[in-house]
């Protein structure tokens, strides 16, 4: 999930990996409305990374918030130094952002 700004409007961008199709959905900040949605053929690398992850996004977000004080502003599954990691951006009340990397297999904090 990414907090996105389009045309001066704030929205959550949610990317969903499906069996054969990937979806990108823009949702209003309060989650009450879908503002845009798009689909495309699934990316095999995204599906492979997701299949290797043993730690859920929710678990990674909880771990990141233990490491850095604030609210999660972005979460994504990435590859860093050959490892599949959850990259969680935590933003503090004063606007400082901290990236926390969580190993998606072991659950250990990488950074």
PDB file of N, CA and C in Angstrom:
ATOM      1  N   UNK A   1       0.846  -1.167   0.000  1.00  0.00           N
ATOM      2  CA  UNK A   1       0.000   0.000   0.000  1.00  0.00           C
ATOM      3  C   UNK A   1       0.893   1.231   0.000  1.00  0.00           C
ATOM      4  N   UNK A   2       0.457   2.220  -0.711  1.00  0.00           N
ATOM      5  CA  UNK A   2       1.190   3.471  -0.802  1.00  0.00           C
ATOM      6  C   UNK A   2       0.193   4.606  -0.682  1.00  0.00           C
ATOM      7  N   UNK A   3       0.529   5.611   0.105  1.00  0.00           N
ATOM      8  CA  UNK A   3      -0.282   6.816   0.145  1.00  0.00           C
ATOM      9  C   UNK A   3       0.107   7.626  -1.076  1.00  0.00           C
ATOM     10  N   UNK A   4      -0.843   7.895  -1.940  1.00  0.00           N
ATOM     11  CA  UNK A   4      -0.592   8.471  -3.254  1.00  0.00           C
ATOM     12  C   UNK A   4      -1.293   9.819  -3.354  1.00  0.00           C
ATOM     13  N   UNK A   5      -0.712  10.732  -4.105  1.00  0.00           N
ATOM     14  CA  UNK A   5      -1.336  12.027  -4.351  1.00  0.00           C
ATOM     15  C   UNK A   5      -1.530  12.170  -5.848  1.00  0.00           C
ATOM     16  N   UNK A   6      -2.780  12.322  -6.262  1.00  0.00           N
ATOM     17  CA  UNK A   6      -3.104  12.521  -7.675  1.00  0.00           C
ATOM     18  C   UNK A   6      -4.008  13.725  -7.785  1.00  0.00           C
ATOM     19  N   UNK A   7      -3.624  14.629  -8.650  1.00  0.00           N
ATOM     20  CA  UNK A   7      -4.425  15.839  -8.868  1.00  0.00           C
ATOM     21  C   UNK A   7      -4.743  16.537  -7.542  1.00  0.00           C
ATOM     22  N   UNK A   8      -3.776  16.532  -6.621  1.00  0.00           N
ATOM     23  CA  UNK A   8      -3.969  17.194  -5.337  1.00  0.00           C
ATOM     24  C   UNK A   8      -4.853  16.444  -4.369  1.00  0.00           C
ATOM     25  N   UNK A   9      -5.262  15.214  -4.740  1.00  0.00           N
ATOM     26  CA  UNK A   9      -6.128  14.417  -3.886  1.00  0.00           C
ATOM     27  C   UNK A   9      -5.328  13.273  -3.286  1.00  0.00           C
ATOM     28  N   UNK A  10      -5.506  13.061  -2.007  1.00  0.00           N
ATOM     29  CA  UNK A  10      -4.823  11.975  -1.322  1.00  0.00           C
ATOM     30  C   UNK A  10      -5.625  10.688  -1.469  1.00  0.00           C
ATOM     31  N   UNK A  11      -4.936   9.569  -1.716  1.00  0.00           N
ATOM     32  CA  UNK A  11      -5.604   8.274  -1.848  1.00  0.00           C
ATOM     33  C   UNK A  11      -4.611   7.173  -1.502  1.00  0.00           C
ATOM     34  N   UNK A  12      -5.149   6.023  -1.101  1.00  0.00           N
ATOM     35  CA  UNK A  12      -4.322   4.844  -0.908  1.00  0.00           C
ATOM     36  C   UNK A  12      -4.238   4.094  -2.221  1.00  0.00           C
ATOM     37  N   UNK A  13      -3.008   3.743  -2.635  1.00  0.00           N
ATOM     38  CA  UNK A  13      -2.817   2.902  -3.811  1.00  0.00           C
ATOM     39  C   UNK A  13      -2.535   1.505  -3.300  1.00  0.00           C
ATOM     40  N   UNK A  14      -3.356   0.568  -3.701  1.00  0.00           N
ATOM     41  CA  UNK A  14      -3.219  -0.815  -3.266  1.00  0.00           C
ATOM     42  C   UNK A  14      -2.962  -1.668  -4.500  1.00  0.00           C
ATOM     43  N   UNK A  15      -1.839  -2.396  -4.493  1.00  0.00           N
ATOM     44  CA  UNK A  15      -1.521  -3.320  -5.574  1.00  0.00           C
ATOM     45  C   UNK A  15      -1.797  -4.731  -5.073  1.00  0.00           C
ATOM     46  N   UNK A  16      -2.589  -5.477  -5.822  1.00  0.00           N
ATOM     47  CA  UNK A  16      -2.978  -6.829  -5.434  1.00  0.00           C
ATOM     48  C   UNK A  16      -2.493  -7.799  -6.505  1.00  0.00           C
ATOM     49  N   UNK A  17      -1.805  -8.851  -6.062  1.00  0.00           N
ATOM     50  CA  UNK A  17      -1.310  -9.877  -6.974  1.00  0.00           C
ATOM     51  C   UNK A  17      -2.285 -11.038  -6.951  1.00  0.00           C
ATOM     52  N   UNK A  18      -2.882 -11.318  -8.107  1.00  0.00           N
ATOM     53  CA  UNK A  18      -3.816 -12.436  -8.218  1.00  0.00           C
ATOM     54  C   UNK A  18      -3.173 -13.606  -8.943  1.00  0.00           C
ATOM     55  N   UNK A  19      -3.929 -14.660  -9.150  1.00  0.00           N
ATOM     56  CA  UNK A  19      -3.407 -15.855  -9.807  1.00  0.00           C
ATOM     57  C   UNK A  19      -2.934 -15.548 -11.229  1.00  0.00           C
ATOM     58  N   UNK A  20      -3.767 -14.872 -11.998  1.00  0.00           N
ATOM     59  CA  UNK A  20      -3.427 -14.558 -13.385  1.00  0.00           C
ATOM     60  C   UNK A  20      -3.399 -13.072 -13.676  1.00  0.00           C
ATOM     61  N   UNK A  21      -3.889 -12.272 -12.733  1.00  0.00           N
ATOM     62  CA  UNK A  21      -4.057 -10.844 -12.962  1.00  0.00           C
ATOM     63  C   UNK A  21      -3.562 -10.053 -11.754  1.00  0.00           C
ATOM     64  N   UNK A  22      -2.885  -8.940 -12.017  1.00  0.00           N
ATOM     65  CA  UNK A  22      -2.516  -7.990 -10.973  1.00  0.00           C
ATOM     66  C   UNK A  22      -3.494  -6.826 -11.046  1.00  0.00           C
ATOM     67  N   UNK A  23      -3.819  -6.271  -9.884  1.00  0.00           N
ATOM     68  CA  UNK A  23      -4.767  -5.169  -9.815  1.00  0.00           C
ATOM     69  C   UNK A  23      -4.132  -3.990  -9.093  1.00  0.00           C
ATOM     70  N   UNK A  24      -4.405  -2.800  -9.566  1.00  0.00           N
ATOM     71  CA  UNK A  24      -4.026  -1.564  -8.883  1.00  0.00           C
ATOM     72  C   UNK A  24      -5.321  -0.814  -8.623  1.00  0.00           C
ATOM     73  N   UNK A  25      -5.541  -0.490  -7.356  1.00  0.00           N
ATOM     74  CA  UNK A  25      -6.772   0.167  -6.949  1.00  0.00           C
ATOM     75  C   UNK A  25      -6.411   1.412  -6.160  1.00  0.00           C
ATOM     76  N   UNK A  26      -7.040   2.532  -6.468  1.00  0.00           N
ATOM     77  CA  UNK A  26      -6.914   3.749  -5.669  1.00  0.00           C
ATOM     78  C   UNK A  26      -8.160   3.861  -4.813  1.00  0.00           C
ATOM     79  N   UNK A  27      -7.944   4.010  -3.502  1.00  0.00           N
ATOM     80  CA  UNK A  27      -9.030   4.038  -2.537  1.00  0.00           C
ATOM     81  C   UNK A  27      -8.970   5.351  -1.771  1.00  0.00           C
ATOM     82  N   UNK A  28     -10.135   5.917  -1.472  1.00  0.00           N
ATOM     83  CA  UNK A  28     -10.186   7.168  -0.705  1.00  0.00           C
ATOM     84  C   UNK A  28      -9.485   6.980   0.641  1.00  0.00           C
ATOM     85  N   UNK A  29      -8.957   8.057   1.227  1.00  0.00           N
ATOM     86  CA  UNK A  29      -8.205   7.949   2.484  1.00  0.00           C
ATOM     87  C   UNK A  29      -8.962   7.245   3.610  1.00  0.00           C
ATOM     88  N   UNK A  30     -10.283   7.377   3.635  1.00  0.00           N
ATOM     89  CA  UNK A  30     -11.056   6.723   4.700  1.00  0.00           C
ATOM     90  C   UNK A  30     -11.496   5.307   4.310  1.00  0.00           C
ATOM     91  N   UNK A  31     -11.133   4.877   3.093  1.00  0.00           N
ATOM     92  CA  UNK A  31     -11.448   3.524   2.649  1.00  0.00           C
ATOM     93  C   UNK A  31     -12.875   3.310   2.181  1.00  0.00           C
ATOM     94  N   UNK A  32     -13.644   4.380   2.055  1.00  0.00           N
ATOM     95  CA  UNK A  32     -15.063   4.222   1.728  1.00  0.00           C
ATOM     96  C   UNK A  32     -15.359   4.127   0.232  1.00  0.00           C
ATOM     97  N   UNK A  33     -14.420   4.586  -0.636  1.00  0.00           N
ATOM     98  CA  UNK A  33     -14.694   4.597  -2.074  1.00  0.00           C
ATOM     99  C   UNK A  33     -13.486   4.132  -2.876  1.00  0.00           C
ATOM    100  N   UNK A  34     -13.752   3.373  -3.930  1.00  0.00           N
ATOM    101  CA  UNK A  34     -12.734   3.054  -4.914  1.00  0.00           C
ATOM    102  C   UNK A  34     -12.744   4.188  -5.926  1.00  0.00           C
ATOM    103  N   UNK A  35     -11.596   4.865  -6.068  1.00  0.00           N
ATOM    104  CA  UNK A  35     -11.509   6.016  -6.969  1.00  0.00           C
ATOM    105  C   UNK A  35     -11.104   5.614  -8.386  1.00  0.00           C
ATOM    106  N   UNK A  36     -10.210   4.612  -8.493  1.00  0.00           N
ATOM    107  CA  UNK A  36      -9.758   4.095  -9.792  1.00  0.00           C
ATOM    108  C   UNK A  36      -9.387   2.639  -9.610  1.00  0.00           C
ATOM    109  N   UNK A  37      -9.478   1.878 -10.700  1.00  0.00           N
ATOM    110  CA  UNK A  37      -8.960   0.519 -10.667  1.00  0.00           C
ATOM    111  C   UNK A  37      -8.477   0.121 -12.051  1.00  0.00           C
ATOM    112  N   UNK A  38      -7.381  -0.626 -12.061  1.00  0.00           N
ATOM    113  CA  UNK A  38      -6.766  -1.077 -13.305  1.00  0.00           C
ATOM    114  C   UNK A  38      -6.305  -2.517 -13.107  1.00  0.00           C
ATOM    115  N   UNK A  39      -6.231  -3.265 -14.198  1.00  0.00           N
ATOM    116  CA  UNK A  39      -5.722  -4.628 -14.113  1.00  0.00           C
ATOM    117  C   UNK A  39      -4.752  -4.875 -15.261  1.00  0.00           C
ATOM    118  N   UNK A  40      -3.882  -5.873 -15.044  1.00  0.00           N
ATOM    119  CA  UNK A  40      -2.932  -6.282 -16.083  1.00  0.00           C
ATOM    120  C   UNK A  40      -2.556  -7.733 -15.819  1.00  0.00           C
ATOM    121  N   UNK A  41      -1.920  -8.358 -16.785  1.00  0.00           N
ATOM    122  CA  UNK A  41      -1.482  -9.745 -16.603  1.00  0.00           C
ATOM    123  C   UNK A  41      -0.526  -9.812 -15.415  1.00  0.00           C
ATOM    124  N   UNK A  42      -0.629 -10.874 -14.639  1.00  0.00           N
ATOM    125  CA  UNK A  42       0.197 -11.040 -13.439  1.00  0.00           C
ATOM    126  C   UNK A  42       1.673 -11.103 -13.791  1.00  0.00           C
ATOM    127  N   UNK A  43       2.502 -10.495 -12.948  1.00  0.00           N
ATOM    128  CA  UNK A  43       3.955 -10.521 -13.095  1.00  0.00           C
ATOM    129  C   UNK A  43       4.471 -11.786 -12.402  1.00  0.00           C
ATOM    130  N   UNK A  44       5.097 -12.696 -13.140  1.00  0.00           N
ATOM    131  CA  UNK A  44       5.567 -13.947 -12.533  1.00  0.00           C
ATOM    132  C   UNK A  44       6.548 -13.721 -11.369  1.00  0.00           C
ATOM    133  N   UNK A  45       7.390 -12.702 -11.450  1.00  0.00           N
ATOM    134  CA  UNK A  45       8.339 -12.436 -10.364  1.00  0.00           C
ATOM    135  C   UNK A  45       7.609 -12.012  -9.087  1.00  0.00           C
ATOM    136  N   UNK A  46       6.586 -11.164  -9.218  1.00  0.00           N
ATOM    137  CA  UNK A  46       5.792 -10.760  -8.053  1.00  0.00           C
ATOM    138  C   UNK A  46       5.134 -11.975  -7.406  1.00  0.00           C
ATOM    139  N   UNK A  47       4.573 -12.850  -8.227  1.00  0.00           N
ATOM    140  CA  UNK A  47       3.916 -14.054  -7.699  1.00  0.00           C
ATOM    141  C   UNK A  47       4.924 -14.956  -7.012  1.00  0.00           C
ATOM    142  N   UNK A  48       6.117 -15.070  -7.575  1.00  0.00           N
ATOM    143  CA  UNK A  48       7.159 -15.906  -6.986  1.00  0.00           C
ATOM    144  C   UNK A  48       7.581 -15.360  -5.612  1.00  0.00           C
ATOM    145  N   UNK A  49       7.800 -14.042  -5.545  1.00  0.00           N
ATOM    146  CA  UNK A  49       8.192 -13.433  -4.276  1.00  0.00           C
ATOM    147  C   UNK A  49       7.111 -13.621  -3.220  1.00  0.00           C
ATOM    148  N   UNK A  50       5.880 -13.410  -3.603  1.00  0.00           N
ATOM    149  CA  UNK A  50       4.766 -13.563  -2.671  1.00  0.00           C
ATOM    150  C   UNK A  50       4.666 -15.005  -2.182  1.00  0.00           C
ATOM    151  N   UNK A  51       4.897 -15.951  -3.077  1.00  0.00           N
ATOM    152  CA  UNK A  51       4.848 -17.362  -2.712  1.00  0.00           C
ATOM    153  C   UNK A  51       5.945 -17.763  -1.736  1.00  0.00           C
ATOM    154  N   UNK A  52       7.082 -17.067  -1.761  1.00  0.00           N
ATOM    155  CA  UNK A  52       8.199 -17.367  -0.867  1.00  0.00           C
ATOM    156  C   UNK A  52       8.025 -16.736   0.518  1.00  0.00           C
ATOM    157  N   UNK A  53       7.198 -15.712   0.609  1.00  0.00           N
ATOM    158  CA  UNK A  53       7.010 -14.997   1.874  1.00  0.00           C
ATOM    159  C   UNK A  53       6.269 -15.874   2.879  1.00  0.00           C
ATOM    160  N   UNK A  54       6.850 -16.012   4.058  1.00  0.00           N
ATOM    161  CA  UNK A  54       6.207 -16.761   5.148  1.00  0.00           C
ATOM    162  C   UNK A  54       5.590 -15.799   6.164  1.00  0.00           C
ATOM    163  N   UNK A  55       6.046 -14.556   6.153  1.00  0.00           N
ATOM    164  CA  UNK A  55       5.566 -13.517   7.053  1.00  0.00           C
ATOM    165  C   UNK A  55       4.545 -12.678   6.290  1.00  0.00           C
ATOM    166  N   UNK A  56       3.384 -12.439   6.895  1.00  0.00           N
ATOM    167  CA  UNK A  56       2.358 -11.641   6.231  1.00  0.00           C
ATOM    168  C   UNK A  56       2.715 -10.155   6.297  1.00  0.00           C
ATOM    169  N   UNK A  57       2.072  -9.376   5.448  1.00  0.00           N
ATOM    170  CA  UNK A  57       2.270  -7.934   5.481  1.00  0.00           C
ATOM    171  C   UNK A  57       1.881  -7.380   6.854  1.00  0.00           C
ATOM    172  N   UNK A  58       0.793  -7.859   7.405  1.00  0.00           N
ATOM    173  CA  UNK A  58       0.336  -7.382   8.721  1.00  0.00           C
ATOM    174  C   UNK A  58       1.377  -7.668   9.800  1.00  0.00           C
ATOM    175  N   UNK A  59       1.986  -8.851   9.765  1.00  0.00           N
ATOM    176  CA  UNK A  59       3.030  -9.189  10.737  1.00  0.00           C
ATOM    177  C   UNK A  59       4.247  -8.280  10.562  1.00  0.00           C
ATOM    178  N   UNK A  60       4.627  -8.040   9.313  1.00  0.00           N
ATOM    179  CA  UNK A  60       5.776  -7.169   9.038  1.00  0.00           C
ATOM    180  C   UNK A  60       5.494  -5.736   9.491  1.00  0.00           C
ATOM    181  N   UNK A  61       4.274  -5.262   9.276  1.00  0.00           N
ATOM    182  CA  UNK A  61       3.908  -3.912   9.705  1.00  0.00           C
ATOM    183  C   UNK A  61       3.975  -3.790  11.226  1.00  0.00           C
ATOM    184  N   UNK A  62       3.508  -4.800  11.934  1.00  0.00           N
ATOM    185  CA  UNK A  62       3.548  -4.771  13.406  1.00  0.00           C
ATOM    186  C   UNK A  62       4.991  -4.755  13.898  1.00  0.00           C
ATOM    187  N   UNK A  63       5.851  -5.557  13.279  1.00  0.00           N
ATOM    188  CA  UNK A  63       7.267  -5.583  13.652  1.00  0.00           C
ATOM    189  C   UNK A  63       7.918  -4.233  13.379  1.00  0.00           C
ATOM    190  N   UNK A  64       7.609  -3.639  12.230  1.00  0.00           N
ATOM    191  CA  UNK A  64       8.197  -2.338  11.868  1.00  0.00           C
ATOM    192  C   UNK A  64       7.788  -1.265  12.859  1.00  0.00           C
ATOM    193  N   UNK A  65       6.544  -1.300  13.311  1.00  0.00           N
ATOM    194  CA  UNK A  65       6.085  -0.295  14.269  1.00  0.00           C
ATOM    195  C   UNK A  65       6.725  -0.491  15.642  1.00  0.00           C
ATOM    196  N   UNK A  66       7.205  -1.682  15.932  1.00  0.00           N
ATOM    197  CA  UNK A  66       7.965  -1.899  17.161  1.00  0.00           C
ATOM    198  C   UNK A  66       9.365  -1.302  17.031  1.00  0.00           C
ATOM    199  N   UNK A  67       9.873  -1.259  15.797  1.00  0.00           N
ATOM    200  CA  UNK A  67      11.222  -0.751  15.538  1.00  0.00           C
ATOM    201  C   UNK A  67      11.263   0.768  15.381  1.00  0.00           C
ATOM    202  N   UNK A  68      10.207   1.342  14.832  1.00  0.00           N
ATOM    203  CA  UNK A  68      10.149   2.789  14.564  1.00  0.00           C
ATOM    204  C   UNK A  68       8.786   3.303  15.013  1.00  0.00           C
ATOM    205  N   UNK A  69       8.789   4.377  15.736  1.00  0.00           N
ATOM    206  CA  UNK A  69       7.549   4.939  16.266  1.00  0.00           C
ATOM    207  C   UNK A  69       6.802   5.712  15.188  1.00  0.00           C
ATOM    208  N   UNK A  70       5.521   5.432  15.021  1.00  0.00           N
ATOM    209  CA  UNK A  70       4.702   6.159  14.058  1.00  0.00           C
ATOM    210  C   UNK A  70       3.700   5.264  13.375  1.00  0.00           C
ATOM    211  N   UNK A  71       3.139   5.764  12.286  1.00  0.00           N
ATOM    212  CA  UNK A  71       2.134   5.057  11.504  1.00  0.00           C
ATOM    213  C   UNK A  71       2.760   4.538  10.215  1.00  0.00           C
ATOM    214  N   UNK A  72       2.317   3.382   9.773  1.00  0.00           N
ATOM    215  CA  UNK A  72       2.787   2.834   8.506  1.00  0.00           C
ATOM    216  C   UNK A  72       2.216   3.691   7.379  1.00  0.00           C
ATOM    217  N   UNK A  73       3.104   4.187   6.505  1.00  0.00           N
ATOM    218  CA  UNK A  73       2.661   5.004   5.378  1.00  0.00           C
ATOM    219  C   UNK A  73       2.848   4.290   4.042  1.00  0.00           C
ATOM    220  N   UNK A  74       3.646   3.205   4.048  1.00  0.00           N
ATOM    221  CA  UNK A  74       3.855   2.438   2.824  1.00  0.00           C
ATOM    222  C   UNK A  74       4.336   1.046   3.195  1.00  0.00           C
ATOM    223  N   UNK A  75       3.909   0.061   2.443  1.00  0.00           N
ATOM    224  CA  UNK A  75       4.370  -1.310   2.630  1.00  0.00           C
ATOM    225  C   UNK A  75       4.456  -1.977   1.269  1.00  0.00           C
ATOM    226  N   UNK A  76       5.576  -2.661   1.027  1.00  0.00           N
ATOM    227  CA  UNK A  76       5.730  -3.358  -0.246  1.00  0.00           C
ATOM    228  C   UNK A  76       6.648  -4.559  -0.065  1.00  0.00           C
ATOM    229  N   UNK A  77       6.489  -5.526  -0.945  1.00  0.00           N
ATOM    230  CA  UNK A  77       7.341  -6.707  -0.961  1.00  0.00           C
ATOM    231  C   UNK A  77       8.403  -6.469  -2.018  1.00  0.00           C
ATOM    232  N   UNK A  78       9.674  -6.525  -1.606  1.00  0.00           N
ATOM    233  CA  UNK A  78      10.785  -6.208  -2.502  1.00  0.00           C
ATOM    234  C   UNK A  78      11.883  -7.247  -2.365  1.00  0.00           C
ATOM    235  N   UNK A  79      12.906  -7.096  -3.186  1.00  0.00           N
ATOM    236  CA  UNK A  79      14.092  -7.940  -3.092  1.00  0.00           C
ATOM    237  C   UNK A  79      15.275  -7.029  -2.770  1.00  0.00           C
ATOM    238  N   UNK A  80      15.992  -7.327  -1.690  1.00  0.00           N
ATOM    239  CA  UNK A  80      17.160  -6.549  -1.260  1.00  0.00           C
ATOM    240  C   UNK A  80      18.309  -7.515  -0.997  1.00  0.00           C
ATOM    241  N   UNK A  81      19.412  -7.319  -1.689  1.00  0.00           N
ATOM    242  CA  UNK A  81      20.594  -8.161  -1.496  1.00  0.00           C
ATOM    243  C   UNK A  81      20.262  -9.659  -1.574  1.00  0.00           C
ATOM    244  N   UNK A  82      19.413 -10.004  -2.533  1.00  0.00           N
ATOM    245  CA  UNK A  82      19.061 -11.393  -2.759  1.00  0.00           C
ATOM    246  C   UNK A  82      18.006 -11.964  -1.826  1.00  0.00           C
ATOM    247  N   UNK A  83      17.506 -11.158  -0.881  1.00  0.00           N
ATOM    248  CA  UNK A  83      16.487 -11.618   0.065  1.00  0.00           C
ATOM    249  C   UNK A  83      15.143 -10.981  -0.268  1.00  0.00           C
ATOM    250  N   UNK A  84      14.080 -11.745  -0.053  1.00  0.00           N
ATOM    251  CA  UNK A  84      12.732 -11.206  -0.179  1.00  0.00           C
ATOM    252  C   UNK A  84      12.430 -10.508   1.146  1.00  0.00           C
ATOM    253  N   UNK A  85      12.088  -9.221   1.077  1.00  0.00           N
ATOM    254  CA  UNK A  85      11.841  -8.440   2.288  1.00  0.00           C
ATOM    255  C   UNK A  85      10.554  -7.632   2.152  1.00  0.00           C
ATOM    256  N   UNK A  86       9.931  -7.399   3.302  1.00  0.00           N
ATOM    257  CA  UNK A  86       8.855  -6.416   3.369  1.00  0.00           C
ATOM    258  C   UNK A  86       9.530  -5.085   3.664  1.00  0.00           C
ATOM    259  N   UNK A  87       9.307  -4.107   2.818  1.00  0.00           N
ATOM    260  CA  UNK A  87       9.825  -2.756   3.044  1.00  0.00           C
ATOM    261  C   UNK A  87       8.665  -1.948   3.611  1.00  0.00           C
ATOM    262  N   UNK A  88       8.806  -1.544   4.861  1.00  0.00           N
ATOM    263  CA  UNK A  88       7.749  -0.831   5.556  1.00  0.00           C
ATOM    264  C   UNK A  88       8.240   0.569   5.876  1.00  0.00           C
ATOM    265  N   UNK A  89       7.536   1.575   5.403  1.00  0.00           N
ATOM    266  CA  UNK A  89       7.858   2.965   5.729  1.00  0.00           C
ATOM    267  C   UNK A  89       6.961   3.397   6.877  1.00  0.00           C
ATOM    268  N   UNK A  90       7.595   3.866   7.960  1.00  0.00           N
ATOM    269  CA  UNK A  90       6.865   4.328   9.135  1.00  0.00           C
ATOM    270  C   UNK A  90       7.099   5.829   9.251  1.00  0.00           C
ATOM    271  N   UNK A  91       6.032   6.600   9.381  1.00  0.00           N
ATOM    272  CA  UNK A  91       6.125   8.049   9.478  1.00  0.00           C
ATOM    273  C   UNK A  91       5.713   8.485  10.875  1.00  0.00           C
ATOM    274  N   UNK A  92       6.610   9.240  11.522  1.00  0.00           N
ATOM    275  CA  UNK A  92       6.347   9.715  12.880  1.00  0.00           C
ATOM    276  C   UNK A  92       5.418  10.927  12.845  1.00  0.00           C
ATOM    277  N   UNK A  93       4.955  11.337  14.025  1.00  0.00           N
ATOM    278  CA  UNK A  93       4.026  12.472  14.102  1.00  0.00           C
ATOM    279  C   UNK A  93       4.670  13.765  13.627  1.00  0.00           C
ATOM    280  N   UNK A  94       6.009  13.854  13.654  1.00  0.00           N
ATOM    281  CA  UNK A  94       6.687  15.062  13.171  1.00  0.00           C
ATOM    282  C   UNK A  94       7.053  14.976  11.688  1.00  0.00           C
ATOM    283  N   UNK A  95       6.570  13.919  11.004  1.00  0.00           N
ATOM    284  CA  UNK A  95       6.763  13.802   9.556  1.00  0.00           C
ATOM    285  C   UNK A  95       8.021  13.074   9.129  1.00  0.00           C
ATOM    286  N   UNK A  96       8.843  12.606  10.064  1.00  0.00           N
ATOM    287  CA  UNK A  96      10.053  11.862   9.730  1.00  0.00           C
ATOM    288  C   UNK A  96       9.689  10.461   9.273  1.00  0.00           C
ATOM    289  N   UNK A  97      10.270  10.025   8.165  1.00  0.00           N
ATOM    290  CA  UNK A  97      10.015   8.685   7.648  1.00  0.00           C
ATOM    291  C   UNK A  97      11.203   7.774   7.911  1.00  0.00           C
ATOM    292  N   UNK A  98      10.906   6.546   8.295  1.00  0.00           N
ATOM    293  CA  UNK A  98      11.929   5.533   8.526  1.00  0.00           C
ATOM    294  C   UNK A  98      11.545   4.287   7.747  1.00  0.00           C
ATOM    295  N   UNK A  99      12.483   3.761   6.952  1.00  0.00           N
ATOM    296  CA  UNK A  99      12.255   2.505   6.247  1.00  0.00           C
ATOM    297  C   UNK A  99      12.749   1.368   7.123  1.00  0.00           C
ATOM    298  N   UNK A 100      11.902   0.386   7.327  1.00  0.00           N
ATOM    299  CA  UNK A 100      12.262  -0.810   8.086  1.00  0.00           C
ATOM    300  C   UNK A 100      12.124  -1.989   7.139  1.00  0.00           C
ATOM    301  N   UNK A 101      13.173  -2.792   7.029  1.00  0.00           N
ATOM    302  CA  UNK A 101      13.142  -3.973   6.171  1.00  0.00           C
ATOM    303  C   UNK A 101      12.999  -5.210   7.050  1.00  0.00           C
ATOM    304  N   UNK A 102      12.002  -6.024   6.735  1.00  0.00           N
ATOM    305  CA  UNK A 102      11.717  -7.243   7.472  1.00  0.00           C
ATOM    306  C   UNK A 102      11.888  -8.425   6.525  1.00  0.00           C
ATOM    307  N   UNK A 103      12.760  -9.376   6.882  1.00  0.00           N
ATOM    308  CA  UNK A 103      12.948 -10.578   6.078  1.00  0.00           C
ATOM    309  C   UNK A 103      11.593 -11.287   5.979  1.00  0.00           C
ATOM    310  N   UNK A 104      11.111 -11.476   4.753  1.00  0.00           N
ATOM    311  CA  UNK A 104       9.774 -12.034   4.522  1.00  0.00           C
ATOM    312  C   UNK A 104       9.704 -13.533   4.797  1.00  0.00           C
ATOM    313  N   UNK A 105      10.842 -14.181   4.995  1.00  0.00           N
ATOM    314  CA  UNK A 105      10.863 -15.601   5.299  1.00  0.00           C
ATOM    315  C   UNK A 105      11.031 -15.841   6.801  1.00  0.00           C
ATOM    316  N   UNK A 106      12.009 -15.150   7.397  1.00  0.00           N
ATOM    317  CA  UNK A 106      12.314 -15.401   8.821  1.00  0.00           C
ATOM    318  C   UNK A 106      11.596 -14.452   9.777  1.00  0.00           C
ATOM    319  N   UNK A 107      11.206 -13.277   9.283  1.00  0.00           N
ATOM    320  CA  UNK A 107      10.580 -12.275  10.149  1.00  0.00           C
ATOM    321  C   UNK A 107      11.569 -11.392  10.881  1.00  0.00           C
ATOM    322  N   UNK A 108      12.867 -11.609  10.658  1.00  0.00           N
ATOM    323  CA  UNK A 108      13.894 -10.816  11.309  1.00  0.00           C
ATOM    324  C   UNK A 108      13.999  -9.437  10.674  1.00  0.00           C
ATOM    325  N   UNK A 109      14.331  -8.447  11.503  1.00  0.00           N
ATOM    326  CA  UNK A 109      14.558  -7.096  10.995  1.00  0.00           C
ATOM    327  C   UNK A 109      15.906  -7.069  10.297  1.00  0.00           C
ATOM    328  N   UNK A 110      15.921  -6.641   9.045  1.00  0.00           N
ATOM    329  CA  UNK A 110      17.149  -6.557   8.257  1.00  0.00           C
ATOM    330  C   UNK A 110      17.768  -5.177   8.417  1.00  0.00           C
ATOM    331  N   UNK A 111      16.920  -4.157   8.454  1.00  0.00           N
ATOM    332  CA  UNK A 111      17.382  -2.763   8.598  1.00  0.00           C
ATOM    333  C   UNK A 111      16.334  -1.984   9.347  1.00  0.00           C
TER     334      UNK A 111
END
